[in-house]
Amino acid sequence: MKIITTPDKRLREPSEKVRQIDDDTLKIIEDMRKLSLEWEAKHPYELSAAMAAPQMGVNKRIIIIRDDMEDKKNAHFTAFINPEVTKTEGKTVTDYEGCLSVPHIYGMVPRPFKVRVKAKLEDGKEVRIKATGELARTLLHEIDHLNGVLFIDHIKDKKDAFYYMDNKGELLPIKDYEKEILNNEKLWGEE
């Protein structure tokens, strides 16, 4: 298994609902955790906060979210199966987002500050989550993946909205001469 990146068309496909939590489902979750941490090990300034099964080319409605997004030493992720947004509320906040499947690019993405999500855990227990701030943003980002949506799709004014990370871990604006990266239709999967 590997993390797939744009312009792979599988990132644009809606995912199928998980009908039964079985050994195959648990193996997908295990692979997601492993790949997420392998990616993080190669990116010293970044934290792998979450991942969706489509990012491995697996068309299933499964996401994992890191339990502690502030502590890189805490490598535990919680899996959510068939997550569904039931409500968004609060003001819209624009903040940085990046994605394992959109390498080297970060963007200023508007998202609701609060979200309610229902899902199942690995043991089949149904949970309802009320999240705000960064957790709400992360849940919305990952659930978008399950619907074939990438964070770049939410950025309407592409001028001055994209960034890259330098070799010191600083996010810097993409300058005009670098905008050819953004003008590449393959990034958006529009071949």
Protein backbone atom coordinates (compact mmCIF):
# COMPACT_ATOMS: atom_id res chain seq x y z
CA MET A 1 0.00 0.00 0.00
CA LYS A 2 1.08 3.57 -0.63
CA ILE A 3 -0.39 7.04 -0.37
CA ILE A 4 -1.77 8.11 -3.72
CA THR A 5 -1.50 11.71 -4.88
CA THR A 6 -3.11 14.04 -7.38
CA PRO A 7 -3.94 13.62 -10.22
CA ASP A 8 -4.90 10.01 -9.39
CA LYS A 9 -8.58 9.76 -10.39
CA ARG A 10 -9.37 7.50 -7.41
CA LEU A 11 -9.12 10.58 -5.17
CA ARG A 12 -12.16 12.00 -6.99
CA GLU A 13 -14.46 9.00 -6.57
CA PRO A 14 -17.13 8.82 -3.84
CA SER A 15 -16.38 6.03 -1.38
CA GLU A 16 -18.58 3.05 -0.64
CA LYS A 17 -20.19 2.54 2.73
CA VAL A 18 -18.63 -0.17 4.93
CA ARG A 19 -21.34 -2.80 5.30
CA GLN A 20 -19.63 -4.95 7.90
CA ILE A 21 -16.67 -4.33 10.20
CA ASP A 22 -14.61 -7.43 9.57
CA ASP A 23 -10.95 -8.45 9.38
CA ASP A 24 -10.59 -6.72 6.01
CA THR A 25 -11.87 -3.46 7.51
CA LEU A 26 -9.48 -3.73 10.45
CA LYS A 27 -6.58 -4.43 8.07
CA ILE A 28 -7.41 -1.28 6.09
CA ILE A 29 -7.33 0.73 9.32
CA GLU A 30 -4.02 -0.84 10.36
CA ASP A 31 -2.52 -0.02 6.94
CA MET A 32 -3.79 3.58 7.18
CA ARG A 33 -2.12 4.06 10.57
CA LYS A 34 1.12 2.55 9.30
CA LEU A 35 1.22 4.65 6.12
CA SER A 36 0.36 7.80 8.02
CA LEU A 37 3.27 7.33 10.41
CA GLU A 38 5.65 6.33 7.61
CA TRP A 39 4.78 9.56 5.81
CA GLU A 40 5.33 11.55 8.99
CA ALA A 41 8.76 9.97 9.54
CA LYS A 42 9.85 11.36 6.15
CA HIS A 43 8.51 14.87 6.92
CA PRO A 44 10.24 16.12 10.09
CA TYR A 45 8.36 19.44 10.27
CA GLU A 46 4.92 18.01 9.69
CA LEU A 47 2.43 15.97 11.67
CA SER A 48 0.21 13.40 10.04
CA ALA A 49 -3.05 14.40 11.70
CA ALA A 50 -5.43 12.20 9.75
CA MET A 51 -6.02 10.08 6.69
CA ALA A 52 -8.89 8.70 4.63
CA ALA A 53 -8.99 5.26 3.01
CA PRO A 54 -9.24 6.73 -0.53
CA GLN A 55 -5.75 8.16 0.00
CA MET A 56 -4.54 4.54 -0.18
CA GLY A 57 -6.72 3.86 -3.20
CA VAL A 58 -9.27 2.02 -1.04
CA ASN A 59 -12.80 3.08 -1.90
CA LYS A 60 -14.26 2.69 1.61
CA ARG A 61 -15.76 5.24 4.00
CA ILE A 62 -13.07 5.03 6.68
CA ILE A 63 -10.99 7.81 8.22
CA ILE A 64 -8.44 7.94 11.01
CA ILE A 65 -7.83 10.99 13.22
CA ARG A 66 -4.82 11.41 15.49
CA ASP A 67 -5.83 11.51 19.15
CA ASP A 68 -3.38 14.31 20.00
CA MET A 69 -2.54 16.68 17.17
CA GLU A 70 -0.08 18.60 19.33
CA ASP A 71 2.19 15.70 20.32
CA LYS A 72 4.12 13.89 17.60
CA LYS A 73 5.16 11.26 20.16
CA ASN A 74 1.55 10.21 20.63
CA ALA A 75 1.05 8.08 17.53
CA HIS A 76 -2.43 6.79 18.37
CA PHE A 77 -5.23 7.30 15.84
CA THR A 78 -8.95 6.69 16.26
CA ALA A 79 -10.74 5.16 13.29
CA PHE A 80 -14.20 6.34 12.26
CA ILE A 81 -16.22 4.15 9.93
CA ASN A 82 -18.96 5.61 7.73
CA PRO A 83 -18.58 9.09 9.24
CA GLU A 84 -21.35 11.48 8.36
CA VAL A 85 -21.64 15.22 8.99
CA THR A 86 -24.97 15.83 10.68
CA LYS A 87 -24.58 19.57 11.27
CA THR A 88 -22.18 22.46 10.80
CA GLU A 89 -22.50 25.73 12.63
CA GLY A 90 -20.65 28.75 13.87
CA LYS A 91 -18.68 31.26 11.91
CA THR A 92 -16.56 30.25 8.95
CA VAL A 93 -12.86 30.32 9.74
CA THR A 94 -10.13 30.36 7.09
CA ASP A 95 -6.92 28.58 8.03
CA TYR A 96 -4.06 26.55 6.58
CA GLU A 97 -4.63 23.03 5.32
CA GLY A 98 -2.35 20.52 3.69
CA CYS A 99 -2.89 16.98 2.53
CA LEU A 100 -0.83 13.81 2.16
CA SER A 101 -2.37 13.41 -1.30
CA VAL A 102 -1.64 16.97 -2.48
CA PRO A 103 2.12 17.07 -1.89
CA HIS A 104 4.07 20.26 -1.23
CA ILE A 105 1.03 22.57 -1.32
CA TYR A 106 -0.88 24.21 1.50
CA GLY A 107 -3.87 26.48 1.19
CA MET A 108 -6.07 28.85 3.14
CA VAL A 109 -9.36 26.97 3.39
CA PRO A 110 -12.66 28.30 4.77
CA ARG A 111 -14.49 25.83 7.03
CA PRO A 112 -17.26 26.04 9.65
CA PHE A 113 -15.90 26.36 13.19
CA LYS A 114 -18.22 23.67 14.61
CA VAL A 115 -19.31 20.30 13.28
CA ARG A 116 -21.34 17.34 14.47
CA VAL A 117 -20.46 13.92 13.09
CA LYS A 118 -21.83 10.45 13.62
CA ALA A 119 -19.79 7.34 12.88
CA LYS A 120 -18.91 3.86 14.08
CA LEU A 121 -15.75 2.87 15.90
CA GLU A 122 -13.72 -0.25 15.13
CA ASP A 123 -15.74 -2.22 17.69
CA GLY A 124 -18.97 -1.28 15.91
CA LYS A 125 -20.12 1.16 18.59
CA GLU A 126 -21.90 4.22 17.15
CA VAL A 127 -20.57 7.56 18.35
CA ARG A 128 -21.63 11.16 17.94
CA ILE A 129 -18.94 13.80 17.98
CA LYS A 130 -19.22 17.53 18.61
CA ALA A 131 -16.02 19.18 17.44
CA THR A 132 -14.73 22.73 17.17
CA GLY A 133 -11.66 24.40 15.73
CA GLU A 134 -8.86 22.19 14.42
CA LEU A 135 -10.67 18.92 15.12
CA ALA A 136 -13.75 20.14 13.24
CA ARG A 137 -11.53 21.21 10.32
CA THR A 138 -9.76 17.84 10.28
CA LEU A 139 -13.00 15.86 10.36
CA LEU A 140 -14.45 17.92 7.50
CA HIS A 141 -11.24 17.57 5.46
CA GLU A 142 -11.21 13.78 5.83
CA ILE A 143 -14.93 13.32 5.22
CA ASP A 144 -14.48 15.41 2.06
CA HIS A 145 -12.02 12.75 0.85
CA LEU A 146 -14.80 10.16 1.15
CA ASN A 147 -16.86 12.26 -1.26
CA GLY A 148 -14.06 12.79 -3.79
CA VAL A 149 -13.37 16.36 -2.65
CA LEU A 150 -9.91 17.81 -1.96
CA PHE A 151 -9.09 20.85 0.16
CA ILE A 152 -8.00 22.76 -2.94
CA ASP A 153 -11.60 22.60 -4.19
CA HIS A 154 -12.72 24.90 -1.37
CA ILE A 155 -10.34 27.70 -2.36
CA LYS A 156 -12.26 30.01 -4.68
CA ASP A 157 -9.76 32.88 -4.94
CA LYS A 158 -6.55 31.10 -5.83
CA LYS A 159 -4.53 34.33 -5.86
CA ASP A 160 -2.32 34.51 -2.76
CA ALA A 161 -4.11 31.52 -1.16
CA PHE A 162 -1.42 28.84 -1.63
CA TYR A 163 1.80 28.13 0.25
CA TYR A 164 4.68 25.68 0.27
CA MET A 165 6.91 24.51 3.13
CA ASP A 166 10.60 25.35 2.94
CA ASN A 167 13.39 23.13 4.26
CA LYS A 168 13.14 24.81 7.68
CA GLY A 169 9.46 24.02 8.15
CA GLU A 170 8.19 27.53 7.37
CA LEU A 171 5.12 28.05 5.19
CA LEU A 172 5.86 30.60 2.47
CA PRO A 173 3.53 32.09 -0.15
CA ILE A 174 3.80 30.66 -3.63
CA LYS A 175 5.21 33.46 -5.76
CA ASP A 176 4.10 34.30 -9.28
CA TYR A 177 6.80 32.24 -10.97
CA GLU A 178 5.78 29.25 -8.86
CA LYS A 179 2.09 29.59 -9.75
CA GLU A 180 2.66 27.31 -12.72
CA ILE A 181 2.37 24.54 -10.13
CA LEU A 182 -1.15 25.73 -9.35
CA ASN A 183 -2.09 26.26 -12.98
CA ASN A 184 -1.37 22.61 -13.70
CA GLU A 185 -4.83 21.16 -14.33
CA LYS A 186 -3.58 17.75 -13.20
CA LEU A 187 -3.51 19.04 -9.62
CA TRP A 188 -7.28 19.41 -9.73
CA GLY A 189 -7.71 16.15 -11.66
CA GLU A 190 -9.10 17.97 -14.71
CA GLU A 191 -7.24 16.19 -17.47
